[in-house]
């Protein structure tokens, strides 16, 4: 993971550890449904990453992400193209 991806992972896990303090980097590869991330949580994560990295995400793309790692990959591509 590069620095940008690590920062994104830390932000995502920081937000989700409120509900599950045992989440770790390996959980980024678990299906989102297993982590019990609902649509409002996903929207909050999207807005958090948009603000932090000053990018605008496509909600259809983020809502179709099956894994948290997909979020990181997508947002990294947005940051790299900005």
C-alpha atoms as a PDB file:
ATOM      1  CA  UNK A   1       0.000   0.000   0.000  1.00  0.00           C
ATOM      2  CA  UNK A   2       1.315   3.453  -0.846  1.00  0.00           C
ATOM      3  CA  UNK A   3       0.888   6.454   1.464  1.00  0.00           C
ATOM      4  CA  UNK A   4      -2.403   7.565  -0.124  1.00  0.00           C
ATOM      5  CA  UNK A   5      -3.891   4.089   0.085  1.00  0.00           C
ATOM      6  CA  UNK A   6      -2.693   3.702   3.671  1.00  0.00           C
ATOM      7  CA  UNK A   7      -4.306   7.034   4.614  1.00  0.00           C
ATOM      8  CA  UNK A   8      -7.579   5.955   2.991  1.00  0.00           C
ATOM      9  CA  UNK A   9      -7.481   2.597   4.765  1.00  0.00           C
ATOM     10  CA  UNK A  10      -6.813   4.317   8.083  1.00  0.00           C
ATOM     11  CA  UNK A  11      -9.753   6.698   7.572  1.00  0.00           C
ATOM     12  CA  UNK A  12     -12.109   3.888   6.595  1.00  0.00           C
ATOM     13  CA  UNK A  13     -11.055   1.635   9.448  1.00  0.00           C
ATOM     14  CA  UNK A  14     -11.135   4.525  11.913  1.00  0.00           C
ATOM     15  CA  UNK A  15     -14.741   5.211  10.999  1.00  0.00           C
ATOM     16  CA  UNK A  16     -15.778   1.546  11.113  1.00  0.00           C
ATOM     17  CA  UNK A  17     -13.948   0.705  14.329  1.00  0.00           C
ATOM     18  CA  UNK A  18     -16.624   2.671  16.170  1.00  0.00           C
ATOM     19  CA  UNK A  19     -18.884  -0.341  15.525  1.00  0.00           C
ATOM     20  CA  UNK A  20     -16.237  -3.054  15.474  1.00  0.00           C
ATOM     21  CA  UNK A  21     -12.987  -2.165  17.259  1.00  0.00           C
ATOM     22  CA  UNK A  22     -11.315  -5.365  16.035  1.00  0.00           C
ATOM     23  CA  UNK A  23     -11.351  -4.463  12.327  1.00  0.00           C
ATOM     24  CA  UNK A  24      -7.912  -4.499  10.726  1.00  0.00           C
ATOM     25  CA  UNK A  25      -6.311  -4.076   7.303  1.00  0.00           C
ATOM     26  CA  UNK A  26      -7.167  -7.677   6.362  1.00  0.00           C
ATOM     27  CA  UNK A  27     -10.861  -6.780   6.698  1.00  0.00           C
ATOM     28  CA  UNK A  28     -10.542  -4.466   3.700  1.00  0.00           C
ATOM     29  CA  UNK A  29     -10.698  -7.619   1.574  1.00  0.00           C
ATOM     30  CA  UNK A  30     -13.884  -8.946   3.177  1.00  0.00           C
ATOM     31  CA  UNK A  31     -17.197  -8.398   1.379  1.00  0.00           C
ATOM     32  CA  UNK A  32     -18.834  -5.189   2.581  1.00  0.00           C
ATOM     33  CA  UNK A  33     -21.985  -7.110   3.435  1.00  0.00           C
ATOM     34  CA  UNK A  34     -20.018  -9.201   5.960  1.00  0.00           C
ATOM     35  CA  UNK A  35     -18.894  -6.032   7.711  1.00  0.00           C
ATOM     36  CA  UNK A  36     -22.552  -4.957   7.856  1.00  0.00           C
ATOM     37  CA  UNK A  37     -21.891  -1.650   6.146  1.00  0.00           C
ATOM     38  CA  UNK A  38     -25.253  -0.167   5.188  1.00  0.00           C
ATOM     39  CA  UNK A  39     -25.931   2.401   2.481  1.00  0.00           C
ATOM     40  CA  UNK A  40     -25.789   5.340   4.894  1.00  0.00           C
ATOM     41  CA  UNK A  41     -22.419   4.164   6.224  1.00  0.00           C
ATOM     42  CA  UNK A  42     -21.155   3.823   2.660  1.00  0.00           C
ATOM     43  CA  UNK A  43     -22.348   7.337   1.856  1.00  0.00           C
ATOM     44  CA  UNK A  44     -20.617   8.706   4.956  1.00  0.00           C
ATOM     45  CA  UNK A  45     -17.378   6.968   3.962  1.00  0.00           C
ATOM     46  CA  UNK A  46     -17.674   8.392   0.463  1.00  0.00           C
ATOM     47  CA  UNK A  47     -18.122  11.929   1.782  1.00  0.00           C
ATOM     48  CA  UNK A  48     -15.270  11.476   4.240  1.00  0.00           C
ATOM     49  CA  UNK A  49     -12.876  10.425   1.484  1.00  0.00           C
ATOM     50  CA  UNK A  50     -14.133  13.151  -0.867  1.00  0.00           C
ATOM     51  CA  UNK A  51     -13.428  15.823   1.744  1.00  0.00           C
ATOM     52  CA  UNK A  52     -10.085  14.423   2.799  1.00  0.00           C
ATOM     53  CA  UNK A  53      -8.726  14.023  -0.730  1.00  0.00           C
ATOM     54  CA  UNK A  54     -10.634  16.865  -2.412  1.00  0.00           C
ATOM     55  CA  UNK A  55     -12.171  14.703  -5.123  1.00  0.00           C
ATOM     56  CA  UNK A  56     -15.730  14.028  -6.258  1.00  0.00           C
ATOM     57  CA  UNK A  57     -16.833  10.411  -6.458  1.00  0.00           C
ATOM     58  CA  UNK A  58     -19.500   8.866  -8.623  1.00  0.00           C
ATOM     59  CA  UNK A  59     -22.082   7.443  -6.212  1.00  0.00           C
ATOM     60  CA  UNK A  60     -23.047   4.675  -8.613  1.00  0.00           C
ATOM     61  CA  UNK A  61     -19.442   3.476  -8.648  1.00  0.00           C
ATOM     62  CA  UNK A  62     -19.043   3.622  -4.890  1.00  0.00           C
ATOM     63  CA  UNK A  63     -22.385   1.950  -4.236  1.00  0.00           C
ATOM     64  CA  UNK A  64     -21.422  -0.964  -6.478  1.00  0.00           C
ATOM     65  CA  UNK A  65     -18.217  -1.634  -4.527  1.00  0.00           C
ATOM     66  CA  UNK A  66     -18.233  -5.146  -3.098  1.00  0.00           C
ATOM     67  CA  UNK A  67     -15.176  -4.713  -0.870  1.00  0.00           C
ATOM     68  CA  UNK A  68     -13.677  -1.833   1.088  1.00  0.00           C
ATOM     69  CA  UNK A  69     -10.527  -2.393  -0.975  1.00  0.00           C
ATOM     70  CA  UNK A  70     -12.637  -1.390  -4.013  1.00  0.00           C
ATOM     71  CA  UNK A  71     -13.250   1.975  -2.340  1.00  0.00           C
ATOM     72  CA  UNK A  72      -9.530   2.478  -1.894  1.00  0.00           C
ATOM     73  CA  UNK A  73      -8.751   1.489  -5.483  1.00  0.00           C
ATOM     74  CA  UNK A  74     -11.449   3.780  -6.851  1.00  0.00           C
ATOM     75  CA  UNK A  75     -10.509   6.771  -4.708  1.00  0.00           C
ATOM     76  CA  UNK A  76      -6.819   6.273  -5.464  1.00  0.00           C
ATOM     77  CA  UNK A  77      -7.633   6.495  -9.177  1.00  0.00           C
ATOM     78  CA  UNK A  78      -9.542   9.735  -8.537  1.00  0.00           C
ATOM     79  CA  UNK A  79      -6.647  11.219  -6.556  1.00  0.00           C
ATOM     80  CA  UNK A  80      -4.116  10.182  -9.211  1.00  0.00           C
ATOM     81  CA  UNK A  81      -6.170  11.726 -12.003  1.00  0.00           C
ATOM     82  CA  UNK A  82      -6.756  15.018 -10.169  1.00  0.00           C
END
